[in-house]
Amino acid sequence: MTLAVNFDLAPAKAVKFFQGKGLQAYFAWQDMLHEEHDRAFTIAKMTDLDLLSDVRGYVDRAIAEGWTRQRFIDELKPELVRRGWWGRAEMRDPLTGEMREVQLGSPRRLNTIYDTNLRTAYSAGHWDRIRDNERSAPYVMYSAVLDGRTRAQHRAWNGKVLRADDPWWKTHTPPNGWNCRCTVIQLSKRDLNKMGKTGPDEAPPSPTREWTNPRSGEVLRVPVGVDPGWGYAPGASRRDDIIEVAREKAQGAAPELRAAFLEWLDATIARRRASR
């Protein structure tokens, strides 16, 4: 069973996730990794925040209005050309102070901007919906597009069914790399039985490899089969932030109200976990 991401649809949760991002200008993609992408929108080499904000608007419309990949490129390219962010150019690397020849806008880069932002937004929105329905459908199946472009490791994960709260998803929620087309499918107990399963599978092995970030020099452990920077669950940190913000805001309330609210919050979280 496979399921491709349908960019012709505009799930409200995907739109909400993307619209909740701020802006962050960076020179290289390695400057911003993992959960940082839950909080901010960035494009490598786009250091003009006004331009970055405008491009974010194009991506926002692409998600909300279900633009095709080609429409996104056709709409955005003239604006980038007009504002001088196109082709090869000389830029100063703020990390080293050196002038470097870099690639700014190109059809390939616009394709990457479209693909990366739509897939992560849809993934975050999809998982938010999975959490909402976790009580009646507590299982999630990894689904890869099985063709000649599929990575061997992603092909091996295809069809694996785990509980939605299995720790494996923290580092293996798709997309798991550049141009990864994998997604997940939520399943109920009845769905599981129809597949001939009486319970979830064991989580696949999670060997890691060392990767040195060329920008920071930091050595990270990267899951095998996952590209550097992609070993996180889109949107998960945003959900954790909401809980922490709620706790912080409660500190300013009257003692009785604060105690009642925190008791309610803890009970709600406990019920949610018990239902998994």
Protein backbone atom coordinates (compact mmCIF):
# COMPACT_ATOMS: atom_id res chain seq x y z
CA MET A 1 0.00 0.00 0.00
CA THR A 2 1.41 3.41 -0.92
CA LEU A 3 0.07 6.92 -0.71
CA ALA A 4 1.61 9.94 -2.41
CA VAL A 5 1.23 13.38 -0.89
CA ASN A 6 -1.57 15.18 -2.71
CA PHE A 7 -0.53 18.82 -3.07
CA ASP A 8 -3.87 19.62 -4.73
CA LEU A 9 -5.50 19.49 -1.30
CA ALA A 10 -5.03 22.09 1.41
CA PRO A 11 -5.48 20.56 4.88
CA ALA A 12 -6.21 23.34 7.36
CA LYS A 13 -3.66 21.93 9.78
CA ALA A 14 -0.87 22.10 7.18
CA VAL A 15 -1.78 25.71 6.40
CA LYS A 16 -1.87 26.59 10.10
CA PHE A 17 1.51 24.96 10.71
CA PHE A 18 3.23 26.90 7.94
CA GLN A 19 1.59 30.20 8.83
CA GLY A 20 2.87 29.81 12.39
CA LYS A 21 6.50 30.08 11.26
CA GLY A 22 8.67 33.13 11.71
CA LEU A 23 11.52 34.20 9.44
CA GLN A 24 15.22 33.38 9.75
CA ALA A 25 17.92 34.37 7.25
CA TYR A 26 20.86 31.99 6.81
CA PHE A 27 23.67 31.61 4.33
CA ALA A 28 23.69 27.80 4.14
CA TRP A 29 21.11 25.10 4.77
CA GLN A 30 23.43 23.53 7.37
CA ASP A 31 23.00 26.65 9.53
CA MET A 32 19.45 25.57 10.45
CA LEU A 33 18.60 21.95 11.18
CA HIS A 34 15.86 19.72 12.58
CA GLU A 35 13.22 21.27 14.87
CA GLU A 36 14.36 24.80 14.05
CA HIS A 37 12.34 24.39 10.86
CA ASP A 38 9.17 24.05 12.94
CA ARG A 39 9.60 27.64 14.08
CA ALA A 40 11.06 29.52 11.13
CA PHE A 41 11.02 29.74 7.35
CA THR A 42 14.39 30.11 5.66
CA ILE A 43 16.02 29.86 2.23
CA ALA A 44 19.77 29.44 1.99
CA LYS A 45 21.50 32.53 0.56
CA MET A 46 18.37 34.68 0.90
CA THR A 47 19.55 37.18 3.51
CA ASP A 48 17.12 40.00 2.64
CA LEU A 49 14.28 39.60 5.16
CA ASP A 50 11.85 41.60 3.01
CA LEU A 51 12.44 39.26 0.07
CA LEU A 52 12.31 36.22 2.36
CA SER A 53 8.96 37.41 3.71
CA ASP A 54 7.58 37.87 0.19
CA VAL A 55 8.73 34.41 -0.88
CA ARG A 56 7.13 32.97 2.22
CA GLY A 57 3.89 34.51 0.98
CA TYR A 58 4.20 32.59 -2.29
CA VAL A 59 4.76 29.33 -0.41
CA ASP A 60 1.82 30.12 1.86
CA ARG A 61 -0.43 30.56 -1.17
CA ALA A 62 0.93 27.39 -2.76
CA ILE A 63 -0.09 25.40 0.33
CA ALA A 64 -3.41 27.14 0.99
CA GLU A 65 -4.57 27.27 -2.63
CA GLY A 66 -3.11 23.95 -3.81
CA TRP A 67 -0.76 25.36 -6.43
CA THR A 68 1.00 22.88 -8.67
CA ARG A 69 4.77 22.79 -8.67
CA GLN A 70 4.88 24.41 -12.11
CA ARG A 71 2.54 27.22 -11.13
CA PHE A 72 4.69 27.98 -8.10
CA ILE A 73 7.80 28.24 -10.29
CA ASP A 74 6.01 30.31 -12.94
CA GLU A 75 4.62 32.73 -10.35
CA LEU A 76 7.79 33.18 -8.29
CA LYS A 77 10.55 33.22 -10.91
CA PRO A 78 9.70 36.63 -12.46
CA GLU A 79 9.66 38.23 -9.01
CA LEU A 80 13.06 36.79 -8.10
CA VAL A 81 14.55 37.83 -11.44
CA ARG A 82 13.15 41.35 -11.02
CA ARG A 83 14.71 41.65 -7.57
CA GLY A 84 18.08 40.28 -8.61
CA TRP A 85 17.97 36.95 -6.78
CA TRP A 86 18.57 34.70 -9.75
CA GLY A 87 21.48 32.80 -11.32
CA ARG A 88 25.07 32.80 -10.09
CA ALA A 89 26.36 35.63 -7.92
CA GLU A 90 29.17 36.65 -5.58
CA MET A 91 28.23 36.70 -1.88
CA ARG A 92 30.18 37.11 1.32
CA ASP A 93 29.98 34.12 3.64
CA PRO A 94 29.22 35.63 7.08
CA LEU A 95 30.88 32.67 8.78
CA THR A 96 34.28 33.07 7.12
CA GLY A 97 34.11 36.58 5.67
CA GLU A 98 35.15 35.19 2.28
CA MET A 99 33.53 36.09 -1.03
CA ARG A 100 32.05 33.03 -2.71
CA GLU A 101 30.33 32.32 -6.00
CA VAL A 102 26.93 30.90 -5.11
CA GLN A 103 23.75 29.75 -6.79
CA LEU A 104 20.75 31.95 -6.11
CA GLY A 105 17.45 31.33 -7.85
CA SER A 106 17.09 28.57 -10.43
CA PRO A 107 14.28 26.21 -11.49
CA ARG A 108 15.96 23.47 -9.49
CA ARG A 109 16.09 25.61 -6.33
CA LEU A 110 12.48 26.67 -6.70
CA ASN A 111 11.54 23.02 -7.05
CA THR A 112 13.40 22.28 -3.79
CA ILE A 113 11.73 25.21 -1.99
CA TYR A 114 8.30 24.00 -3.11
CA ASP A 115 8.89 20.34 -2.35
CA THR A 116 10.57 20.79 1.02
CA ASN A 117 8.10 23.28 2.47
CA LEU A 118 4.94 21.58 1.22
CA ARG A 119 6.01 18.10 2.30
CA THR A 120 7.05 19.16 5.80
CA ALA A 121 3.89 21.26 6.26
CA TYR A 122 1.69 18.39 5.11
CA SER A 123 3.60 16.00 7.36
CA ALA A 124 3.12 18.26 10.38
CA GLY A 125 -0.55 18.73 9.59
CA HIS A 126 -1.05 15.01 8.99
CA TRP A 127 0.54 14.10 12.35
CA ASP A 128 -1.58 16.68 14.12
CA ARG A 129 -4.63 14.92 12.71
CA ILE A 130 -3.16 11.54 13.68
CA ARG A 131 -2.88 12.76 17.29
CA ASP A 132 -6.49 13.94 17.19
CA ASN A 133 -7.68 10.47 16.09
CA GLU A 134 -5.14 8.39 18.00
CA ARG A 135 -7.66 6.85 20.35
CA SER A 136 -9.65 5.16 17.55
CA ALA A 137 -6.68 4.63 15.22
CA PRO A 138 -3.49 4.21 17.27
CA TYR A 139 -1.26 2.75 14.55
CA VAL A 140 0.79 4.35 11.78
CA MET A 141 2.24 2.66 8.71
CA TYR A 142 5.29 3.87 6.81
CA SER A 143 4.45 4.27 3.13
CA ALA A 144 7.08 4.66 0.42
CA VAL A 145 6.56 5.27 -3.29
CA LEU A 146 8.00 2.07 -4.77
CA ASP A 147 9.71 2.92 -8.02
CA GLY A 148 13.22 3.32 -9.37
CA ARG A 149 13.80 6.53 -7.40
CA THR A 150 13.06 5.01 -3.99
CA ARG A 151 15.97 4.82 -1.56
CA ALA A 152 16.78 1.25 -0.54
CA GLN A 153 16.33 1.99 3.17
CA HIS A 154 12.96 3.67 2.61
CA ARG A 155 11.85 0.69 0.55
CA ALA A 156 12.76 -1.57 3.47
CA TRP A 157 10.64 0.55 5.84
CA ASN A 158 7.61 0.46 3.54
CA GLY A 159 4.64 -1.28 5.18
CA LYS A 160 6.09 -1.21 8.71
CA VAL A 161 3.33 -0.56 11.24
CA LEU A 162 4.12 0.98 14.62
CA ARG A 163 2.11 2.67 17.33
CA ALA A 164 1.77 6.41 16.80
CA ASP A 165 3.73 7.05 20.00
CA ASP A 166 6.63 4.74 19.12
CA PRO A 167 9.95 6.59 19.67
CA TRP A 168 11.10 5.50 16.19
CA TRP A 169 8.92 8.22 14.65
CA LYS A 170 10.87 10.95 16.47
CA THR A 171 13.74 10.53 14.00
CA HIS A 172 12.09 8.70 11.08
CA THR A 173 8.90 10.62 10.34
CA PRO A 174 8.88 11.30 6.59
CA PRO A 175 10.02 13.13 4.62
CA ASN A 176 13.39 11.62 5.50
CA GLY A 177 15.56 13.58 3.09
CA TRP A 178 15.74 15.83 0.08
CA ASN A 179 13.08 14.85 -2.48
CA CYS A 180 11.81 12.04 -0.22
CA ARG A 181 8.24 11.17 -1.25
CA CYS A 182 7.43 8.88 1.68
CA THR A 183 4.49 9.49 3.96
CA VAL A 184 2.48 7.64 6.61
CA ILE A 185 -0.98 6.08 6.82
CA GLN A 186 -2.99 5.96 10.06
CA LEU A 187 -4.63 2.63 10.91
CA SER A 188 -7.21 1.35 13.35
CA LYS A 189 -7.20 -2.06 15.02
CA ARG A 190 -9.65 -3.25 12.35
CA ASP A 191 -7.32 -2.02 9.59
CA LEU A 192 -4.50 -3.92 11.24
CA ASN A 193 -6.55 -7.13 11.36
CA LYS A 194 -7.47 -6.78 7.68
CA MET A 195 -3.74 -6.75 6.93
CA GLY A 196 -3.37 -10.04 8.80
CA LYS A 197 -1.63 -8.43 11.77
CA THR A 198 -2.57 -8.90 15.41
CA GLY A 199 -0.39 -6.05 16.60
CA PRO A 200 2.23 -3.55 15.48
CA ASP A 201 5.60 -4.57 14.08
CA GLU A 202 8.86 -4.17 15.94
CA ALA A 203 10.50 -0.85 15.19
CA PRO A 204 13.16 -1.20 12.47
CA PRO A 205 16.78 -1.06 13.64
CA SER A 206 18.07 2.50 13.97
CA PRO A 207 21.82 2.45 13.29
CA THR A 208 23.45 5.86 12.97
CA ARG A 209 26.44 7.33 11.23
CA GLU A 210 28.60 10.31 12.05
CA TRP A 211 28.10 13.52 10.13
CA THR A 212 30.17 16.64 10.67
CA ASN A 213 28.35 19.89 10.05
CA PRO A 214 30.74 21.80 7.77
CA ARG A 215 29.44 25.13 9.10
CA SER A 216 29.71 24.54 12.84
CA GLY A 217 32.13 21.62 13.05
CA GLU A 218 29.62 19.83 15.29
CA VAL A 219 29.59 16.05 14.94
CA LEU A 220 26.06 14.62 14.90
CA ARG A 221 24.72 11.08 14.84
CA VAL A 222 22.47 10.73 11.77
CA PRO A 223 20.10 7.76 11.32
CA VAL A 224 21.11 5.56 8.41
CA GLY A 225 18.66 6.17 5.57
CA VAL A 226 17.89 9.72 6.74
CA ASP A 227 19.65 12.73 5.20
CA PRO A 228 21.51 15.07 7.58
CA GLY A 229 19.11 17.66 8.97
CA TRP A 230 16.00 15.55 8.39
CA GLY A 231 16.02 13.30 11.46
CA TYR A 232 13.09 14.91 13.26
CA ALA A 233 9.29 14.81 13.30
CA PRO A 234 7.88 17.96 11.62
CA GLY A 235 5.58 19.85 13.97
CA ALA A 236 6.32 17.79 17.09
CA SER A 237 8.37 20.49 18.81
CA ARG A 238 5.59 23.02 18.13
CA ARG A 239 3.16 20.85 20.12
CA ASP A 240 5.63 20.65 23.01
CA ASP A 241 6.07 24.44 22.89
CA ILE A 242 2.32 24.99 23.24
CA ILE A 243 2.26 22.95 26.45
CA GLU A 244 5.22 24.84 27.89
CA VAL A 245 3.71 28.21 26.98
CA ALA A 246 0.46 27.21 28.69
CA ARG A 247 2.38 26.30 31.86
CA GLU A 248 4.29 29.58 31.81
CA LYS A 249 1.16 31.67 31.33
CA ALA A 250 -0.50 29.88 34.22
CA GLN A 251 2.19 31.18 36.57
CA GLY A 252 0.67 34.65 36.39
CA ALA A 253 -2.78 33.50 37.50
CA ALA A 254 -4.17 33.52 41.02
CA PRO A 255 -2.96 30.52 43.07
CA GLU A 256 -6.36 28.78 43.03
CA LEU A 257 -6.84 29.25 39.28
CA ARG A 258 -3.23 28.25 38.57
CA ALA A 259 -3.55 25.04 40.55
CA ALA A 260 -6.85 24.14 38.91
CA PHE A 261 -5.52 24.84 35.42
CA LEU A 262 -2.31 22.85 35.91
CA GLU A 263 -4.30 19.97 37.37
CA TRP A 264 -6.58 20.04 34.31
CA LEU A 265 -3.61 20.25 31.92
CA ASP A 266 -1.80 17.31 33.54
CA ALA A 267 -5.00 15.24 33.57
CA THR A 268 -5.63 16.00 29.90
CA ILE A 269 -2.09 14.95 28.95
CA ALA A 270 -2.40 11.80 31.08
CA ARG A 271 -5.71 10.84 29.45
CA ARG A 272 -4.22 11.38 26.02
CA ARG A 273 -1.26 9.15 26.81
CA ALA A 274 -3.49 6.49 28.38
CA SER A 275 -5.59 6.34 25.22
CA ARG A 276 -2.59 5.52 23.04
